[in-house]
Amino acid sequence: MRLKLNEAQLNALRAFLDHFDDAEQLSAREYVVDLYDIARPISLDLVFVKGGVGVDGAAELKFDEEQDGWYMGERLDSAAEVLDALVEAGAIER
């Protein structure tokens, strides 16, 4: 899926990812980020492309109390859900 973001949103997202503890830059254009502190925690694989951001992977994160750790849950296929999560996390504004 692809997120159509304006220039200000793209810049804000890149700045957020560059300074966010749970984001890892894999290449000049690709980041993996885990958003634990939102209502529905998710993990994202984001790739900056011309005019937007590609989402190569998106899944909810579930916590297992017995194992005391996080695991991947249901896959997300909705760009709207991903955008809502990024807004809730403070990465972008609408």
PDB file of N, CA and C in Angstrom:
ATOM      1  N   MET A   1       0.844  -1.176   0.000  1.00  0.00           N
ATOM      2  CA  MET A   1       0.000   0.000   0.000  1.00  0.00           C
ATOM      3  C   MET A   1       0.885   1.233   0.000  1.00  0.00           C
ATOM      4  N   ARG A   2       0.296   2.334  -0.363  1.00  0.00           N
ATOM      5  CA  ARG A   2       1.049   3.584  -0.446  1.00  0.00           C
ATOM      6  C   ARG A   2       0.307   4.680   0.295  1.00  0.00           C
ATOM      7  N   LEU A   3       1.053   5.479   1.031  1.00  0.00           N
ATOM      8  CA  LEU A   3       0.493   6.632   1.740  1.00  0.00           C
ATOM      9  C   LEU A   3       0.837   7.880   0.955  1.00  0.00           C
ATOM     10  N   LYS A   4      -0.172   8.610   0.556  1.00  0.00           N
ATOM     11  CA  LYS A   4       0.068   9.868  -0.153  1.00  0.00           C
ATOM     12  C   LYS A   4       0.184  10.973   0.894  1.00  0.00           C
ATOM     13  N   LEU A   5       1.386  11.480   1.035  1.00  0.00           N
ATOM     14  CA  LEU A   5       1.672  12.523   2.015  1.00  0.00           C
ATOM     15  C   LEU A   5       2.201  13.747   1.304  1.00  0.00           C
ATOM     16  N   ASN A   6       1.871  14.918   1.856  1.00  0.00           N
ATOM     17  CA  ASN A   6       2.425  16.140   1.282  1.00  0.00           C
ATOM     18  C   ASN A   6       3.855  16.328   1.781  1.00  0.00           C
ATOM     19  N   GLU A   7       4.526  17.318   1.258  1.00  0.00           N
ATOM     20  CA  GLU A   7       5.947  17.544   1.576  1.00  0.00           C
ATOM     21  C   GLU A   7       6.167  17.762   3.075  1.00  0.00           C
ATOM     22  N   ALA A   8       5.293  18.525   3.708  1.00  0.00           N
ATOM     23  CA  ALA A   8       5.432  18.782   5.145  1.00  0.00           C
ATOM     24  C   ALA A   8       5.270  17.484   5.945  1.00  0.00           C
ATOM     25  N   GLN A   9       4.326  16.647   5.551  1.00  0.00           N
ATOM     26  CA  GLN A   9       4.118  15.374   6.238  1.00  0.00           C
ATOM     27  C   GLN A   9       5.306  14.435   6.031  1.00  0.00           C
ATOM     28  N   LEU A  10       5.840  14.402   4.817  1.00  0.00           N
ATOM     29  CA  LEU A  10       7.014  13.573   4.544  1.00  0.00           C
ATOM     30  C   LEU A  10       8.205  14.002   5.398  1.00  0.00           C
ATOM     31  N   ASN A  11       8.430  15.303   5.476  1.00  0.00           N
ATOM     32  CA  ASN A  11       9.531  15.822   6.285  1.00  0.00           C
ATOM     33  C   ASN A  11       9.323  15.518   7.764  1.00  0.00           C
ATOM     34  N   ALA A  12       8.090  15.682   8.243  1.00  0.00           N
ATOM     35  CA  ALA A  12       7.781  15.399   9.647  1.00  0.00           C
ATOM     36  C   ALA A  12       7.975  13.918   9.949  1.00  0.00           C
ATOM     37  N   LEU A  13       7.532  13.060   9.051  1.00  0.00           N
ATOM     38  CA  LEU A  13       7.670  11.616   9.263  1.00  0.00           C
ATOM     39  C   LEU A  13       9.138  11.210   9.297  1.00  0.00           C
ATOM     40  N   ARG A  14       9.915  11.721   8.369  1.00  0.00           N
ATOM     41  CA  ARG A  14      11.344  11.374   8.351  1.00  0.00           C
ATOM     42  C   ARG A  14      12.031  11.871   9.632  1.00  0.00           C
ATOM     43  N   ALA A  15      11.717  13.076  10.076  1.00  0.00           N
ATOM     44  CA  ALA A  15      12.303  13.602  11.320  1.00  0.00           C
ATOM     45  C   ALA A  15      11.883  12.746  12.513  1.00  0.00           C
ATOM     46  N   PHE A  16      10.627  12.354  12.555  1.00  0.00           N
ATOM     47  CA  PHE A  16      10.135  11.487  13.627  1.00  0.00           C
ATOM     48  C   PHE A  16      10.917  10.176  13.640  1.00  0.00           C
ATOM     49  N   LEU A  17      11.035   9.539  12.495  1.00  0.00           N
ATOM     50  CA  LEU A  17      11.721   8.246  12.406  1.00  0.00           C
ATOM     51  C   LEU A  17      13.201   8.363  12.753  1.00  0.00           C
ATOM     52  N   ASP A  18      13.830   9.462  12.366  1.00  0.00           N
ATOM     53  CA  ASP A  18      15.255   9.662  12.651  1.00  0.00           C
ATOM     54  C   ASP A  18      15.542   9.805  14.144  1.00  0.00           C
ATOM     55  N   HIS A  19      14.538  10.213  14.937  1.00  0.00           N
ATOM     56  CA  HIS A  19      14.759  10.461  16.361  1.00  0.00           C
ATOM     57  C   HIS A  19      13.966   9.536  17.278  1.00  0.00           C
ATOM     58  N   PHE A  20      13.183   8.643  16.719  1.00  0.00           N
ATOM     59  CA  PHE A  20      12.328   7.763  17.510  1.00  0.00           C
ATOM     60  C   PHE A  20      13.109   6.508  17.911  1.00  0.00           C
ATOM     61  N   ASP A  21      13.097   6.192  19.205  1.00  0.00           N
ATOM     62  CA  ASP A  21      13.886   5.070  19.722  1.00  0.00           C
ATOM     63  C   ASP A  21      13.505   3.719  19.121  1.00  0.00           C
ATOM     64  N   ASP A  22      12.239   3.539  18.776  1.00  0.00           N
ATOM     65  CA  ASP A  22      11.786   2.251  18.261  1.00  0.00           C
ATOM     66  C   ASP A  22      11.692   2.233  16.743  1.00  0.00           C
ATOM     67  N   ALA A  23      12.524   3.047  16.086  1.00  0.00           N
ATOM     68  CA  ALA A  23      12.620   3.049  14.624  1.00  0.00           C
ATOM     69  C   ALA A  23      14.051   2.715  14.238  1.00  0.00           C
ATOM     70  N   GLU A  24      14.179   1.893  13.222  1.00  0.00           N
ATOM     71  CA  GLU A  24      15.503   1.521  12.721  1.00  0.00           C
ATOM     72  C   GLU A  24      15.574   1.837  11.234  1.00  0.00           C
ATOM     73  N   GLN A  25      16.600   2.568  10.842  1.00  0.00           N
ATOM     74  CA  GLN A  25      16.805   2.896   9.438  1.00  0.00           C
ATOM     75  C   GLN A  25      17.570   1.748   8.788  1.00  0.00           C
ATOM     76  N   LEU A  26      16.947   1.121   7.781  1.00  0.00           N
ATOM     77  CA  LEU A  26      17.562  -0.013   7.096  1.00  0.00           C
ATOM     78  C   LEU A  26      18.371   0.410   5.880  1.00  0.00           C
ATOM     79  N   SER A  27      17.968   1.520   5.266  1.00  0.00           N
ATOM     80  CA  SER A  27      18.687   2.075   4.121  1.00  0.00           C
ATOM     81  C   SER A  27      18.366   3.565   4.073  1.00  0.00           C
ATOM     82  N   ALA A  28      18.820   4.243   3.057  1.00  0.00           N
ATOM     83  CA  ALA A  28      18.558   5.679   2.939  1.00  0.00           C
ATOM     84  C   ALA A  28      17.061   5.973   2.837  1.00  0.00           C
ATOM     85  N   ARG A  29      16.294   5.002   2.354  1.00  0.00           N
ATOM     86  CA  ARG A  29      14.860   5.224   2.146  1.00  0.00           C
ATOM     87  C   ARG A  29      13.949   4.364   3.015  1.00  0.00           C
ATOM     88  N   GLU A  30      14.482   3.345   3.692  1.00  0.00           N
ATOM     89  CA  GLU A  30      13.626   2.370   4.375  1.00  0.00           C
ATOM     90  C   GLU A  30      13.817   2.382   5.888  1.00  0.00           C
ATOM     91  N   TYR A  31      12.690   2.310   6.591  1.00  0.00           N
ATOM     92  CA  TYR A  31      12.671   2.271   8.050  1.00  0.00           C
ATOM     93  C   TYR A  31      11.727   1.171   8.520  1.00  0.00           C
ATOM     94  N   VAL A  32      12.054   0.584   9.650  1.00  0.00           N
ATOM     95  CA  VAL A  32      11.140  -0.290  10.375  1.00  0.00           C
ATOM     96  C   VAL A  32      10.865   0.400  11.700  1.00  0.00           C
ATOM     97  N   VAL A  33       9.592   0.497  12.055  1.00  0.00           N
ATOM     98  CA  VAL A  33       9.220   1.201  13.282  1.00  0.00           C
ATOM     99  C   VAL A  33       8.131   0.423  14.014  1.00  0.00           C
ATOM    100  N   ASP A  34       8.275   0.358  15.332  1.00  0.00           N
ATOM    101  CA  ASP A  34       7.264  -0.245  16.186  1.00  0.00           C
ATOM    102  C   ASP A  34       6.639   0.859  17.024  1.00  0.00           C
ATOM    103  N   LEU A  35       5.332   0.992  16.907  1.00  0.00           N
ATOM    104  CA  LEU A  35       4.587   2.005  17.649  1.00  0.00           C
ATOM    105  C   LEU A  35       3.839   1.305  18.786  1.00  0.00           C
ATOM    106  N   TYR A  36       4.477   1.230  19.939  1.00  0.00           N
ATOM    107  CA  TYR A  36       3.910   0.518  21.082  1.00  0.00           C
ATOM    108  C   TYR A  36       2.916   1.357  21.870  1.00  0.00           C
ATOM    109  N   ASP A  37       3.089   2.670  21.891  1.00  0.00           N
ATOM    110  CA  ASP A  37       2.336   3.537  22.799  1.00  0.00           C
ATOM    111  C   ASP A  37       1.107   4.175  22.166  1.00  0.00           C
ATOM    112  N   ILE A  38       0.428   3.435  21.314  1.00  0.00           N
ATOM    113  CA  ILE A  38      -0.823   3.908  20.745  1.00  0.00           C
ATOM    114  C   ILE A  38      -1.907   2.888  21.105  1.00  0.00           C
ATOM    115  N   ALA A  39      -3.164   3.246  20.877  1.00  0.00           N
ATOM    116  CA  ALA A  39      -4.276   2.383  21.287  1.00  0.00           C
ATOM    117  C   ALA A  39      -4.166   0.973  20.713  1.00  0.00           C
ATOM    118  N   ARG A  40      -3.799   0.862  19.458  1.00  0.00           N
ATOM    119  CA  ARG A  40      -3.594  -0.436  18.798  1.00  0.00           C
ATOM    120  C   ARG A  40      -2.154  -0.468  18.289  1.00  0.00           C
ATOM    121  N   PRO A  41      -1.211  -0.974  19.102  1.00  0.00           N
ATOM    122  CA  PRO A  41       0.195  -0.973  18.697  1.00  0.00           C
ATOM    123  C   PRO A  41       0.401  -1.691  17.361  1.00  0.00           C
ATOM    124  N   ILE A  42       1.306  -1.127  16.542  1.00  0.00           N
ATOM    125  CA  ILE A  42       1.591  -1.717  15.237  1.00  0.00           C
ATOM    126  C   ILE A  42       3.080  -1.656  14.926  1.00  0.00           C
ATOM    127  N   SER A  43       3.479  -2.490  13.972  1.00  0.00           N
ATOM    128  CA  SER A  43       4.827  -2.495  13.433  1.00  0.00           C
ATOM    129  C   SER A  43       4.720  -2.190  11.943  1.00  0.00           C
ATOM    130  N   LEU A  44       5.618  -1.329  11.446  1.00  0.00           N
ATOM    131  CA  LEU A  44       5.567  -0.894  10.056  1.00  0.00           C
ATOM    132  C   LEU A  44       6.928  -1.015   9.391  1.00  0.00           C
ATOM    133  N   ASP A  45       6.910  -1.355   8.122  1.00  0.00           N
ATOM    134  CA  ASP A  45       8.092  -1.283   7.258  1.00  0.00           C
ATOM    135  C   ASP A  45       7.762  -0.219   6.221  1.00  0.00           C
ATOM    136  N   LEU A  46       8.415   0.926   6.328  1.00  0.00           N
ATOM    137  CA  LEU A  46       8.109   2.093   5.488  1.00  0.00           C
ATOM    138  C   LEU A  46       9.252   2.371   4.519  1.00  0.00           C
ATOM    139  N   VAL A  47       8.900   2.676   3.278  1.00  0.00           N
ATOM    140  CA  VAL A  47       9.887   3.015   2.255  1.00  0.00           C
ATOM    141  C   VAL A  47       9.491   4.341   1.630  1.00  0.00           C
ATOM    142  N   PHE A  48      10.376   5.327   1.705  1.00  0.00           N
ATOM    143  CA  PHE A  48      10.111   6.629   1.093  1.00  0.00           C
ATOM    144  C   PHE A  48      10.267   6.504  -0.420  1.00  0.00           C
ATOM    145  N   VAL A  49       9.217   6.880  -1.135  1.00  0.00           N
ATOM    146  CA  VAL A  49       9.193   6.847  -2.598  1.00  0.00           C
ATOM    147  C   VAL A  49       8.744   8.214  -3.084  1.00  0.00           C
ATOM    148  N   LYS A  50       8.888   8.464  -4.365  1.00  0.00           N
ATOM    149  CA  LYS A  50       8.507   9.761  -4.910  1.00  0.00           C
ATOM    150  C   LYS A  50       7.021  10.044  -4.621  1.00  0.00           C
ATOM    151  N   GLY A  51       6.779  11.160  -3.957  1.00  0.00           N
ATOM    152  CA  GLY A  51       5.412  11.582  -3.683  1.00  0.00           C
ATOM    153  C   GLY A  51       4.705  10.874  -2.551  1.00  0.00           C
ATOM    154  N   GLY A  52       5.424  10.117  -1.751  1.00  0.00           N
ATOM    155  CA  GLY A  52       4.752   9.444  -0.653  1.00  0.00           C
ATOM    156  C   GLY A  52       5.629   8.432   0.049  1.00  0.00           C
ATOM    157  N   VAL A  53       4.948   7.510   0.703  1.00  0.00           N
ATOM    158  CA  VAL A  53       5.628   6.465   1.458  1.00  0.00           C
ATOM    159  C   VAL A  53       4.948   5.138   1.136  1.00  0.00           C
ATOM    160  N   GLY A  54       5.755   4.153   0.767  1.00  0.00           N
ATOM    161  CA  GLY A  54       5.236   2.810   0.574  1.00  0.00           C
ATOM    162  C   GLY A  54       5.268   2.062   1.893  1.00  0.00           C
ATOM    163  N   VAL A  55       4.230   1.294   2.139  1.00  0.00           N
ATOM    164  CA  VAL A  55       4.173   0.459   3.339  1.00  0.00           C
ATOM    165  C   VAL A  55       4.392  -0.981   2.879  1.00  0.00           C
ATOM    166  N   ASP A  56       5.616  -1.475   3.072  1.00  0.00           N
ATOM    167  CA  ASP A  56       5.947  -2.834   2.638  1.00  0.00           C
ATOM    168  C   ASP A  56       5.403  -3.883   3.598  1.00  0.00           C
ATOM    169  N   GLY A  57       5.094  -3.468   4.810  1.00  0.00           N
ATOM    170  CA  GLY A  57       4.519  -4.381   5.790  1.00  0.00           C
ATOM    171  C   GLY A  57       3.900  -3.610   6.927  1.00  0.00           C
ATOM    172  N   ALA A  58       2.773  -4.101   7.414  1.00  0.00           N
ATOM    173  CA  ALA A  58       2.099  -3.480   8.551  1.00  0.00           C
ATOM    174  C   ALA A  58       1.333  -4.560   9.302  1.00  0.00           C
ATOM    175  N   ALA A  59       1.558  -4.634  10.597  1.00  0.00           N
ATOM    176  CA  ALA A  59       0.862  -5.624  11.409  1.00  0.00           C
ATOM    177  C   ALA A  59       0.669  -5.076  12.816  1.00  0.00           C
ATOM    178  N   GLU A  60      -0.431  -5.502  13.435  1.00  0.00           N
ATOM    179  CA  GLU A  60      -0.627  -5.100  14.817  1.00  0.00           C
ATOM    180  C   GLU A  60       0.343  -5.870  15.698  1.00  0.00           C
ATOM    181  N   LEU A  61       0.676  -5.293  16.825  1.00  0.00           N
ATOM    182  CA  LEU A  61       1.550  -5.930  17.797  1.00  0.00           C
ATOM    183  C   LEU A  61       0.716  -6.356  18.997  1.00  0.00           C
ATOM    184  N   LYS A  62       0.936  -7.573  19.431  1.00  0.00           N
ATOM    185  CA  LYS A  62       0.247  -8.122  20.603  1.00  0.00           C
ATOM    186  C   LYS A  62       1.286  -8.403  21.676  1.00  0.00           C
ATOM    187  N   PHE A  63       0.861  -8.264  22.934  1.00  0.00           N
ATOM    188  CA  PHE A  63       1.779  -8.539  24.047  1.00  0.00           C
ATOM    189  C   PHE A  63       1.370  -9.838  24.713  1.00  0.00           C
ATOM    190  N   ASP A  64       2.338 -10.716  24.929  1.00  0.00           N
ATOM    191  CA  ASP A  64       2.113 -11.983  25.618  1.00  0.00           C
ATOM    192  C   ASP A  64       2.677 -11.844  27.030  1.00  0.00           C
ATOM    193  N   GLU A  65       1.783 -11.809  28.012  1.00  0.00           N
ATOM    194  CA  GLU A  65       2.222 -11.611  29.394  1.00  0.00           C
ATOM    195  C   GLU A  65       3.048 -12.780  29.909  1.00  0.00           C
ATOM    196  N   GLU A  66       2.679 -14.013  29.514  1.00  0.00           N
ATOM    197  CA  GLU A  66       3.440 -15.177  29.944  1.00  0.00           C
ATOM    198  C   GLU A  66       4.875 -15.136  29.451  1.00  0.00           C
ATOM    199  N   GLN A  67       5.059 -14.763  28.198  1.00  0.00           N
ATOM    200  CA  GLN A  67       6.384 -14.694  27.597  1.00  0.00           C
ATOM    201  C   GLN A  67       7.061 -13.344  27.853  1.00  0.00           C
ATOM    202  N   ASP A  68       6.273 -12.390  28.355  1.00  0.00           N
ATOM    203  CA  ASP A  68       6.745 -11.033  28.615  1.00  0.00           C
ATOM    204  C   ASP A  68       7.394 -10.430  27.367  1.00  0.00           C
ATOM    205  N   GLY A  69       6.663 -10.529  26.251  1.00  0.00           N
ATOM    206  CA  GLY A  69       7.200  -9.998  25.005  1.00  0.00           C
ATOM    207  C   GLY A  69       6.125  -9.738  23.975  1.00  0.00           C
ATOM    208  N   TRP A  70       6.508  -9.017  22.944  1.00  0.00           N
ATOM    209  CA  TRP A  70       5.616  -8.645  21.851  1.00  0.00           C
ATOM    210  C   TRP A  70       5.740  -9.624  20.699  1.00  0.00           C
ATOM    211  N   TYR A  71       4.631  -9.804  19.970  1.00  0.00           N
ATOM    212  CA  TYR A  71       4.638 -10.629  18.762  1.00  0.00           C
ATOM    213  C   TYR A  71       3.716 -10.008  17.725  1.00  0.00           C
ATOM    214  N   MET A  72       3.905 -10.399  16.469  1.00  0.00           N
ATOM    215  CA  MET A  72       3.085  -9.881  15.371  1.00  0.00           C
ATOM    216  C   MET A  72       1.709 -10.519  15.409  1.00  0.00           C
ATOM    217  N   GLY A  73       0.707  -9.662  15.265  1.00  0.00           N
ATOM    218  CA  GLY A  73      -0.666 -10.132  15.207  1.00  0.00           C
ATOM    219  C   GLY A  73      -1.199 -10.015  13.790  1.00  0.00           C
ATOM    220  N   GLU A  74      -2.422  -9.575  13.688  1.00  0.00           N
ATOM    221  CA  GLU A  74      -3.119  -9.461  12.407  1.00  0.00           C
ATOM    222  C   GLU A  74      -2.451  -8.448  11.480  1.00  0.00           C
ATOM    223  N   ARG A  75      -2.374  -8.806  10.225  1.00  0.00           N
ATOM    224  CA  ARG A  75      -1.816  -7.910   9.201  1.00  0.00           C
ATOM    225  C   ARG A  75      -2.787  -6.763   8.934  1.00  0.00           C
ATOM    226  N   LEU A  76      -2.246  -5.573   8.694  1.00  0.00           N
ATOM    227  CA  LEU A  76      -3.074  -4.412   8.359  1.00  0.00           C
ATOM    228  C   LEU A  76      -3.002  -4.155   6.866  1.00  0.00           C
ATOM    229  N   ASP A  77      -4.157  -3.985   6.242  1.00  0.00           N
ATOM    230  CA  ASP A  77      -4.215  -3.739   4.800  1.00  0.00           C
ATOM    231  C   ASP A  77      -4.814  -2.387   4.459  1.00  0.00           C
ATOM    232  N   SER A  78      -5.075  -1.573   5.463  1.00  0.00           N
ATOM    233  CA  SER A  78      -5.753  -0.301   5.255  1.00  0.00           C
ATOM    234  C   SER A  78      -4.792   0.873   5.429  1.00  0.00           C
ATOM    235  N   ALA A  79      -4.651   1.661   4.377  1.00  0.00           N
ATOM    236  CA  ALA A  79      -3.816   2.865   4.466  1.00  0.00           C
ATOM    237  C   ALA A  79      -4.375   3.823   5.506  1.00  0.00           C
ATOM    238  N   ALA A  80      -5.690   3.877   5.641  1.00  0.00           N
ATOM    239  CA  ALA A  80      -6.321   4.772   6.626  1.00  0.00           C
ATOM    240  C   ALA A  80      -5.908   4.385   8.044  1.00  0.00           C
ATOM    241  N   GLU A  81      -5.840   3.084   8.341  1.00  0.00           N
ATOM    242  CA  GLU A  81      -5.418   2.633   9.669  1.00  0.00           C
ATOM    243  C   GLU A  81      -3.965   3.018   9.940  1.00  0.00           C
ATOM    244  N   VAL A  82      -3.123   2.879   8.947  1.00  0.00           N
ATOM    245  CA  VAL A  82      -1.714   3.231   9.103  1.00  0.00           C
ATOM    246  C   VAL A  82      -1.575   4.746   9.323  1.00  0.00           C
ATOM    247  N   LEU A  83      -2.284   5.527   8.532  1.00  0.00           N
ATOM    248  CA  LEU A  83      -2.253   6.986   8.715  1.00  0.00           C
ATOM    249  C   LEU A  83      -2.743   7.383  10.103  1.00  0.00           C
ATOM    250  N   ASP A  84      -3.840   6.779  10.541  1.00  0.00           N
ATOM    251  CA  ASP A  84      -4.367   7.077  11.880  1.00  0.00           C
ATOM    252  C   ASP A  84      -3.332   6.761  12.953  1.00  0.00           C
ATOM    253  N   ALA A  85      -2.632   5.639  12.807  1.00  0.00           N
ATOM    254  CA  ALA A  85      -1.607   5.257  13.785  1.00  0.00           C
ATOM    255  C   ALA A  85      -0.453   6.254  13.800  1.00  0.00           C
ATOM    256  N   LEU A  86      -0.023   6.701  12.622  1.00  0.00           N
ATOM    257  CA  LEU A  86       1.064   7.680  12.553  1.00  0.00           C
ATOM    258  C   LEU A  86       0.657   9.014  13.158  1.00  0.00           C
ATOM    259  N   VAL A  87      -0.583   9.404  12.965  1.00  0.00           N
ATOM    260  CA  VAL A  87      -1.081  10.637  13.569  1.00  0.00           C
ATOM    261  C   VAL A  87      -1.127  10.471  15.088  1.00  0.00           C
ATOM    262  N   GLU A  88      -1.686   9.349  15.558  1.00  0.00           N
ATOM    263  CA  GLU A  88      -1.789   9.103  16.999  1.00  0.00           C
ATOM    264  C   GLU A  88      -0.415   9.071  17.667  1.00  0.00           C
ATOM    265  N   ALA A  89       0.581   8.552  16.960  1.00  0.00           N
ATOM    266  CA  ALA A  89       1.940   8.477  17.510  1.00  0.00           C
ATOM    267  C   ALA A  89       2.660   9.819  17.484  1.00  0.00           C
ATOM    268  N   GLY A  90       2.094  10.799  16.776  1.00  0.00           N
ATOM    269  CA  GLY A  90       2.724  12.114  16.699  1.00  0.00           C
ATOM    270  C   GLY A  90       3.728  12.239  15.557  1.00  0.00           C
ATOM    271  N   ALA A  91       3.711  11.283  14.637  1.00  0.00           N
ATOM    272  CA  ALA A  91       4.670  11.304  13.527  1.00  0.00           C
ATOM    273  C   ALA A  91       4.278  12.299  12.457  1.00  0.00           C
ATOM    274  N   ILE A  92       2.989  12.465  12.216  1.00  0.00           N
ATOM    275  CA  ILE A  92       2.495  13.397  11.207  1.00  0.00           C
ATOM    276  C   ILE A  92       1.238  14.082  11.722  1.00  0.00           C
ATOM    277  N   GLU A  93       0.875  15.162  11.061  1.00  0.00           N
ATOM    278  CA  GLU A  93      -0.401  15.837  11.315  1.00  0.00           C
ATOM    279  C   GLU A  93      -1.225  15.760  10.051  1.00  0.00           C
ATOM    280  N   ARG A  94      -2.510  15.763  10.205  1.00  0.00           N
ATOM    281  CA  ARG A  94      -3.403  15.729   9.027  1.00  0.00           C
ATOM    282  C   ARG A  94      -3.519  17.080   8.409  1.00  0.00           C
TER     283      ARG A  94
END
